[in-house]
Protein backbone atom coordinates (compact mmCIF):
# COMPACT_ATOMS: atom_id res chain seq x y z
CA MET A 1 -41.91 46.83 68.86
CA LYS A 2 -40.95 50.00 70.07
CA ASN A 3 -41.55 49.97 73.22
CA LEU A 4 -39.83 46.34 73.55
CA THR A 5 -36.59 48.37 72.24
CA LEU A 6 -36.98 51.13 74.71
CA ILE A 7 -36.17 49.05 77.69
CA ALA A 8 -32.25 48.23 76.26
CA LEU A 9 -31.22 51.92 76.09
CA THR A 10 -29.12 51.59 78.85
CA PHE A 11 -27.78 49.00 78.12
CA LEU A 12 -26.80 50.16 74.20
CA ALA A 13 -25.62 53.40 75.28
CA LEU A 14 -22.13 51.41 76.64
CA ASN A 15 -22.32 48.60 74.13
CA THR A 16 -22.38 49.81 70.61
CA PHE A 17 -20.79 48.27 67.61
CA ALA A 18 -17.48 50.54 65.84
CA GLY A 19 -19.83 53.63 67.22
CA VAL A 20 -22.20 53.29 64.79
CA PHE A 21 -23.98 50.49 64.72
CA ARG A 22 -25.58 48.77 67.32
CA VAL A 23 -26.60 46.02 64.91
CA ASN A 24 -24.33 46.00 61.74
CA PRO A 25 -26.38 46.20 58.64
CA TYR A 26 -27.68 42.26 57.32
CA GLN A 27 -29.94 41.59 55.08
CA THR A 28 -32.91 39.04 55.44
CA ILE A 29 -34.58 37.41 52.43
CA THR A 30 -38.34 35.82 52.99
CA GLN A 31 -41.69 35.49 51.33
CA ASP A 32 -41.58 35.71 47.82
CA ARG A 33 -37.81 36.54 48.05
CA GLU A 34 -38.65 39.93 49.80
CA VAL A 35 -34.94 41.46 51.11
CA THR A 36 -35.02 43.73 54.19
CA LEU A 37 -31.87 45.60 54.93
CA ASN A 38 -31.88 45.58 58.84
CA PHE A 39 -29.54 47.88 60.93
CA TRP A 40 -29.50 49.91 64.55
CA PRO A 41 -28.13 52.85 64.33
CA VAL A 42 -26.31 54.79 67.67
CA ASN A 43 -27.80 57.71 66.95
CA ASP A 44 -30.50 59.32 65.44
CA ALA A 45 -29.32 60.38 61.51
CA ALA A 46 -30.42 61.18 58.57
CA VAL A 47 -30.17 58.27 56.08
CA ASP A 48 -29.02 57.92 52.45
CA ILE A 49 -29.00 54.49 50.97
CA LYS A 50 -28.32 54.03 47.53
CA VAL A 51 -29.27 50.63 46.34
CA THR A 52 -28.03 49.42 42.95
CA LYS A 53 -29.54 45.53 41.25
CA LYS A 54 -27.89 44.45 38.34
CA LYS A 55 -28.79 42.03 35.52
CA ASN A 56 -27.94 41.01 32.23
CA GLY A 57 -25.74 43.95 31.73
CA PHE A 58 -28.52 46.44 32.80
CA ALA A 59 -28.50 48.25 36.42
CA ASN A 60 -31.03 50.07 38.41
CA PHE A 61 -30.39 52.77 40.97
CA GLU A 62 -32.53 54.02 43.82
CA ILE A 63 -31.86 56.57 46.68
CA LYS A 64 -34.10 55.97 49.66
CA LYS A 65 -34.33 59.03 52.28
CA PHE A 66 -35.34 58.64 55.62
CA GLN A 67 -34.98 59.68 59.13
CA ALA A 68 -33.48 56.76 61.03
CA SER A 69 -34.07 56.88 64.96
CA SER A 70 -31.59 55.20 67.29
CA SER A 71 -33.91 53.42 69.97
CA GLU A 72 -35.36 50.91 67.23
CA LEU A 73 -33.94 48.38 64.63
CA GLN A 74 -34.38 50.23 60.91
CA LYS A 75 -35.81 48.31 58.66
CA ILE A 76 -35.97 49.10 55.20
CA SER A 77 -37.54 47.18 52.06
CA LEU A 78 -35.48 47.03 49.30
CA GLY A 79 -38.09 45.11 47.41
CA THR A 80 -37.61 41.78 45.63
CA ILE A 81 -34.84 39.77 44.24
CA ALA A 82 -34.74 38.19 40.83
CA CYS A 83 -33.02 35.07 39.77
CA ASN A 84 -29.24 35.89 38.69
CA GLU A 85 -30.20 39.34 40.08
CA THR A 86 -26.96 41.37 41.65
CA LEU A 87 -27.62 43.84 44.91
CA SER A 88 -25.33 46.51 46.32
CA TYR A 89 -26.16 49.51 48.84
CA GLU A 90 -24.41 52.02 50.34
CA ILE A 91 -25.64 53.65 53.46
CA PHE A 92 -25.19 57.37 54.19
CA LEU A 93 -25.80 58.36 57.43
CA ASP A 94 -25.67 62.43 57.98
CA LYS A 95 -23.97 62.52 54.61
CA PHE A 96 -21.14 60.30 55.75
CA LYS A 97 -20.88 56.73 54.35
CA TYR A 98 -20.38 54.22 56.54
CA ASP A 99 -20.91 51.12 55.03
CA GLN A 100 -21.03 49.13 51.37
CA VAL A 101 -22.14 45.49 50.57
CA ASP A 102 -21.62 44.00 47.47
CA LEU A 103 -23.57 40.73 47.09
CA PRO A 104 -23.41 38.40 44.26
CA ALA A 105 -25.66 37.25 42.03
CA LEU A 106 -28.26 35.25 43.96
CA LYS A 107 -28.57 31.94 41.84
CA CYS A 108 -31.60 30.24 40.77
CA VAL A 109 -31.29 26.49 40.35
CA GLU A 110 -31.71 24.92 37.03
CA GLU A 111 -31.08 21.75 35.28
CA ASN A 112 -26.94 21.23 35.59
CA LYS A 113 -26.74 24.63 37.42
CA SER A 114 -24.98 25.40 41.00
CA MET A 115 -25.48 27.37 43.84
CA ASN A 116 -24.71 26.96 47.77
CA ILE A 117 -26.42 27.03 50.98
CA GLY A 118 -25.34 27.67 54.30
CA PHE A 119 -27.09 25.55 57.29
CA LEU A 120 -26.53 26.25 61.30
CA SER A 121 -28.75 26.66 64.46
CA ASP A 122 -29.11 26.88 67.71
CA THR A 123 -26.26 30.20 67.88
CA GLN A 124 -27.90 30.99 71.46
CA ILE A 125 -25.11 31.62 73.81
CA LYS A 126 -25.36 30.51 77.52
CA ASN A 127 -22.28 30.80 79.13
CA GLU A 128 -18.33 31.17 78.31
CA SER A 129 -17.74 28.07 76.56
CA GLY A 130 -20.47 28.63 74.01
CA LEU A 131 -19.60 32.26 73.52
CA GLU A 132 -16.05 30.77 72.84
CA ARG A 133 -17.41 28.11 70.41
CA ALA A 134 -19.84 30.90 68.60
CA ILE A 135 -16.80 33.14 67.74
CA LYS A 136 -14.96 30.26 66.67
CA LEU A 137 -17.59 29.07 64.47
CA SER A 138 -18.04 32.60 63.10
CA GLU A 139 -14.77 32.50 61.90
CA LEU A 140 -15.47 29.31 60.20
CA VAL A 141 -18.44 30.27 58.80
CA GLU A 142 -16.41 33.52 57.34
CA LYS A 143 -13.67 31.30 55.90
CA ILE A 144 -16.06 29.22 53.97
CA HIS A 145 -17.88 31.56 52.69
CA LYS A 146 -14.87 33.51 51.47
CA ASP A 147 -13.80 29.71 49.77
CA ASN A 148 -17.36 28.69 48.90
CA PRO A 149 -19.89 31.39 48.67
CA PHE A 150 -23.09 30.42 49.71
CA GLU A 151 -26.24 32.42 48.40
CA VAL A 152 -28.60 31.85 51.49
CA LEU A 153 -27.45 31.45 54.96
CA VAL A 154 -30.00 29.28 56.91
CA ASN A 155 -30.07 29.24 60.93
CA ALA A 156 -32.68 26.97 61.79
CA GLY A 157 -33.53 28.74 65.29
CA ASP A 158 -32.81 29.23 68.94
CA ILE A 159 -31.33 32.22 67.67
CA VAL A 160 -30.43 33.46 71.22
CA GLN A 161 -30.85 31.97 74.52
CA VAL A 162 -33.94 34.19 76.18
CA GLY A 163 -35.85 35.40 73.21
CA ALA A 164 -37.31 38.47 75.44
CA ASN A 165 -33.46 39.52 76.50
CA ILE A 166 -32.05 42.37 73.85
CA THR A 167 -29.11 42.10 75.57
CA GLU A 168 -28.36 38.39 73.91
CA TRP A 169 -29.85 39.32 70.52
CA LEU A 170 -27.28 41.99 70.14
CA GLN A 171 -24.46 39.54 71.51
CA PHE A 172 -25.45 37.58 68.77
CA PHE A 173 -25.65 39.97 65.94
CA ASP A 174 -21.86 41.17 67.27
CA VAL A 175 -20.69 38.03 67.29
CA SER A 176 -22.31 36.81 63.71
CA LYS A 177 -21.08 40.32 62.11
CA THR A 178 -18.39 39.15 59.76
CA TYR A 179 -20.74 36.87 58.12
CA LEU A 180 -24.35 38.25 58.07
CA PRO A 181 -23.97 40.76 55.80
CA LYS A 182 -22.46 38.88 53.12
CA THR A 183 -25.12 36.72 52.49
CA TYR A 184 -29.11 36.18 52.12
CA ASN A 185 -30.27 35.19 55.77
CA ILE A 186 -33.54 33.16 56.48
CA ALA A 187 -34.54 31.73 60.09
CA ALA A 188 -36.74 30.03 61.75
CA ALA A 189 -37.89 30.61 64.95
CA GLY A 190 -36.98 28.02 67.98
CA ASN A 191 -38.44 27.63 72.01
CA HIS A 192 -35.87 29.57 73.14
CA ASP A 193 -36.66 32.62 71.11
CA TYR A 194 -39.97 32.54 72.91
CA TYR A 195 -38.50 32.34 76.33
CA ASP A 196 -39.97 35.23 78.76
CA THR A 197 -41.84 36.77 76.06
CA ASN A 198 -45.13 35.52 76.68
CA THR A 199 -46.10 35.17 73.14
CA THR A 200 -48.52 32.58 71.83
CA ASN A 201 -50.24 32.24 68.49
CA LYS A 202 -47.43 34.32 66.52
CA THR A 203 -43.65 34.75 66.43
CA PRO A 204 -42.21 36.70 69.44
CA ASP A 205 -41.71 40.22 68.46
CA PHE A 206 -37.94 40.32 68.93
CA PHE A 207 -37.58 37.41 66.31
CA ALA A 208 -40.25 39.11 63.46
CA ASN A 209 -38.27 42.45 64.08
CA PHE A 210 -34.66 41.18 63.26
CA PHE A 211 -35.58 38.00 60.97
CA ARG A 212 -39.28 38.96 59.28
CA SER A 213 -40.09 41.53 56.95
CA LYS A 214 -43.42 43.76 57.69
CA ASN A 215 -45.42 41.87 55.14
CA ASP A 216 -44.50 38.36 56.62
CA SER A 217 -47.04 35.73 58.21
CA ASN A 218 -47.33 36.55 61.59
CA LEU A 219 -47.27 32.43 62.90
CA GLY A 220 -43.80 32.98 60.89
CA ASN A 221 -44.13 30.83 58.02
CA VAL A 222 -42.36 32.12 54.92
CA ALA A 223 -41.83 30.66 51.35
CA PHE A 224 -39.59 31.72 48.23
CA GLU A 225 -38.51 29.73 45.46
CA LEU A 226 -34.93 30.12 43.69
CA GLY A 227 -35.30 28.25 40.46
CA LYS A 228 -35.75 24.32 40.61
CA ILE A 229 -35.59 25.07 44.71
CA LYS A 230 -38.43 26.35 46.80
CA PHE A 231 -37.39 27.18 50.79
CA ILE A 232 -40.63 26.42 53.02
CA VAL A 233 -39.79 27.72 56.66
CA LEU A 234 -42.30 26.61 59.05
CA ASN A 235 -42.97 27.69 62.77
CA THR A 236 -42.94 23.93 64.77
CA ASN A 237 -43.66 25.61 68.62
CA PHE A 238 -46.69 23.81 68.57
CA ASN A 239 -46.51 24.83 72.37
CA VAL A 240 -47.32 28.55 72.04
CA LEU A 241 -49.76 27.79 69.32
CA SER A 242 -53.67 27.11 69.32
CA GLU A 243 -54.95 23.72 67.65
CA ASP A 244 -56.57 26.41 65.01
CA ARG A 245 -53.39 27.88 64.40
CA ILE A 246 -51.66 24.50 63.93
CA GLN A 247 -54.07 23.49 61.70
CA LEU A 248 -53.75 26.47 59.71
CA GLN A 249 -49.68 25.55 59.48
CA TRP A 250 -50.56 22.54 57.91
CA LYS A 251 -52.83 23.88 55.47
CA TRP A 252 -50.29 26.33 54.75
CA LEU A 253 -48.05 23.90 53.73
CA LYS A 254 -49.89 21.61 51.69
CA SER A 255 -50.72 24.57 49.85
CA GLU A 256 -46.93 25.57 49.42
CA LEU A 257 -45.72 21.73 48.48
CA ASP A 258 -48.85 21.56 46.15
CA SER A 259 -47.17 24.73 44.37
CA ALA A 260 -43.77 23.36 44.66
CA GLN A 261 -45.34 20.11 42.75
CA LYS A 262 -46.93 21.67 40.23
CA LYS A 263 -43.84 23.61 39.09
CA ASP A 264 -41.46 20.49 39.50
CA LEU A 265 -39.76 22.11 42.04
CA PHE A 266 -37.41 20.25 44.90
CA SER A 267 -38.73 21.43 48.61
CA VAL A 268 -36.64 22.12 51.12
CA LEU A 269 -38.09 22.45 54.14
CA VAL A 270 -36.53 24.70 57.56
CA MET A 271 -38.19 24.36 60.86
CA HIS A 272 -36.47 24.18 64.78
CA HIS A 273 -37.74 20.92 65.92
CA ALA A 274 -37.21 17.81 64.24
CA PRO A 275 -39.08 14.81 64.04
CA TYR A 276 -36.27 11.96 64.10
CA SER A 277 -33.54 11.82 66.25
CA SER A 278 -31.57 9.85 68.89
CA SER A 279 -32.29 12.24 71.74
CA ALA A 280 -34.89 11.12 74.31
CA GLU A 281 -36.67 14.87 73.05
CA TYR A 282 -38.50 11.95 70.27
CA ILE A 283 -40.76 11.32 72.51
CA ARG A 284 -42.32 14.18 73.54
CA PRO A 285 -45.17 16.32 71.97
CA ILE A 286 -43.94 17.91 69.26
CA PRO A 287 -41.61 15.13 67.41
CA ARG A 288 -44.51 12.96 67.86
CA ARG A 289 -46.75 15.57 66.45
CA LEU A 290 -44.53 16.41 63.52
CA ARG A 291 -43.95 12.49 63.05
CA GLU A 292 -48.06 11.61 63.11
CA GLN A 293 -49.35 14.49 61.47
CA MET A 294 -46.58 16.43 59.17
CA VAL A 295 -44.46 13.22 57.92
CA PRO A 296 -47.27 11.45 56.33
CA ILE A 297 -47.80 14.96 54.35
CA LEU A 298 -44.25 15.37 53.62
CA GLU A 299 -44.17 11.45 52.58
CA SER A 300 -47.17 12.14 49.98
CA TYR A 301 -45.17 14.82 48.04
CA LYS A 302 -42.39 13.12 45.74
CA ASN A 303 -40.43 16.59 45.67
CA VAL A 304 -39.64 16.74 49.25
CA GLN A 305 -35.97 15.46 50.36
CA LEU A 306 -34.87 17.54 52.52
CA VAL A 307 -35.42 18.48 56.43
CA LEU A 308 -32.97 20.93 58.02
CA SER A 309 -34.00 21.45 61.78
CA GLY A 310 -31.98 21.91 65.18
CA HIS A 311 -33.21 21.91 68.79
CA LEU A 312 -31.38 18.81 69.80
CA HIS A 313 -28.01 20.24 70.04
CA MET A 314 -26.32 16.80 68.64
CA TYR A 315 -25.46 16.40 64.80
CA GLU A 316 -27.54 13.90 63.06
CA ARG A 317 -28.77 12.95 59.59
CA SER A 318 -31.40 10.43 59.39
CA LEU A 319 -33.33 9.12 56.18
CA LYS A 320 -36.83 7.59 56.08
CA ASP A 321 -38.70 7.26 52.93
CA ASN A 322 -36.26 8.76 50.87
CA ILE A 323 -36.29 12.11 52.53
CA ASN A 324 -33.32 13.29 54.49
CA TYR A 325 -33.50 14.88 57.99
CA LEU A 326 -30.35 16.95 59.06
CA ILE A 327 -30.02 18.23 62.36
CA ALA A 328 -27.15 20.81 63.11
CA GLY A 329 -24.70 20.79 66.13
CA PRO A 330 -25.21 23.55 68.39
CA SER A 331 -23.69 26.91 67.63
CA GLY A 332 -22.95 28.33 71.17
CA GLY A 333 -26.01 26.31 72.99
CA ILE A 334 -25.09 23.26 75.55
CA TYR A 335 -24.58 19.86 73.69
CA ASN A 336 -26.77 16.98 74.07
CA VAL A 337 -26.00 12.91 74.11
CA LEU A 338 -27.05 10.13 72.68
CA SER A 339 -30.42 9.04 74.87
CA TYR A 340 -32.61 7.34 72.21
CA LYS A 341 -32.16 4.62 69.21
CA ASN A 342 -33.30 6.01 66.25
CA GLU A 343 -33.63 3.41 64.08
CA TYR A 344 -33.59 5.70 60.45
CA MET A 345 -30.36 7.59 62.01
CA LYS A 346 -27.39 6.99 59.33
CA PHE A 347 -24.72 9.32 60.67
CA PHE A 348 -24.30 10.35 64.49
CA LYS A 349 -22.27 12.68 66.38
CA GLN A 350 -22.35 14.32 69.55
CA PHE A 351 -20.60 17.50 71.29
CA VAL A 352 -19.87 18.95 68.34
CA THR A 353 -20.49 22.34 66.64
CA THR A 354 -20.97 22.26 62.94
CA PHE A 355 -21.50 24.32 60.07
CA THR A 356 -22.57 22.49 56.97
CA LEU A 357 -22.24 23.55 53.48
CA ILE A 358 -24.89 22.23 51.08
CA LYS A 359 -23.98 22.32 47.09
CA ILE A 360 -26.67 21.94 44.80
CA ASN A 361 -25.54 20.85 41.29
CA PHE A 362 -28.97 19.49 40.03
CA PRO A 363 -30.01 17.11 40.83
CA LYS A 364 -27.12 16.17 42.77
CA ILE A 365 -26.91 17.69 46.33
CA THR A 366 -23.59 17.53 48.52
CA PHE A 367 -22.96 18.20 51.98
CA GLU A 368 -20.00 19.34 53.22
CA THR A 369 -20.23 19.72 57.62
CA TYR A 370 -17.45 20.96 59.17
CA ASP A 371 -16.66 21.36 63.08
CA ILE A 372 -15.29 24.84 64.60
CA ASP A 373 -11.63 23.69 64.01
CA GLN A 374 -12.64 23.31 60.49
CA ASN A 375 -12.29 19.57 60.74
CA LEU A 376 -14.71 17.59 57.93
CA VAL A 377 -17.34 15.79 60.12
CA GLU A 378 -19.25 14.20 57.28
CA LYS A 379 -19.49 14.60 53.44
CA PHE A 380 -22.29 13.09 51.65
CA SER A 381 -24.43 13.44 48.49
CA PHE A 382 -27.91 12.44 47.07
CA THR A 383 -29.74 12.73 43.87
CA ILE A 384 -32.61 14.12 44.04
CA LYS A 385 -35.18 11.35 42.57
CA LYS A 386 -38.62 12.48 40.71
């Protein structure tokens, strides 16, 4: 990864965020609720990080000391986060305090208990219009989080337009720096995140570096539980995966769903591509494979009732055999148009950038989807069926 990041040093010397960080601190949550603190300093520095975890009135403190390099993203494991545990950290560079983040308790859903999830996708920025929309979306997400804090933010992929372009990654983190540090972030790899990376049979280096821990599978799959909810993130970029790696995906998916069903957990799947849509993409190889190979797996488990996706650049909700398929409108990507008749479509809107607040008050789930002008696009609910 260091070799890849060094190519950007000339750009980085001229483009810094707040003069201290090239990438402001943010945290990801991945396999088994491992939390990773990520940041990229402008200068080499001696780093002290004071980490505090609190639960049930008891607090644990830890000081992490290390020498940070300005040539690459710093990734520091904060360990696993427990249900209803709060996490805060203070960052000192050369003994000067630069940042403090106080996260609310990570709620774990039980019967009649609630938590919120934020959902967006396709944050890539292709042109000035996309940048303008991305900035407005950032303002919307920040406002919604202030009014209705969400514990986890899900990005269904295509974080950037060209995955090998470090400038685009830095632009994404600059635009989203108002909300990324305030929650736990999880993302699926999109096809654009592979662009120009010449990567096969694993996740691209930049995506893995920014959104995965060092302990995660190189396929990009992750799963973790939050009480009665289980998140399962699948890599659906089958065009860059060999057949044996794709079969490993299905084996892993079945194993995670088996585990969730034994524990009576409600499973939320996150993936970039969608099996059902009102786009001509419907007939292409990846959606077809999802319908032929993945959907039968999902429909064999009663605890799977929600799939979150992106890729199509239109907002759409479908329902088939008790599974809700929700596609986010593009954040910064170009808009798509209606071009296929989806028999399972329940709601559709094109030419709209969306952010969805998912409110879980177990067993009821409510979706509130907004556009970048803060207008309500759709509100719907369903009750988890057993």
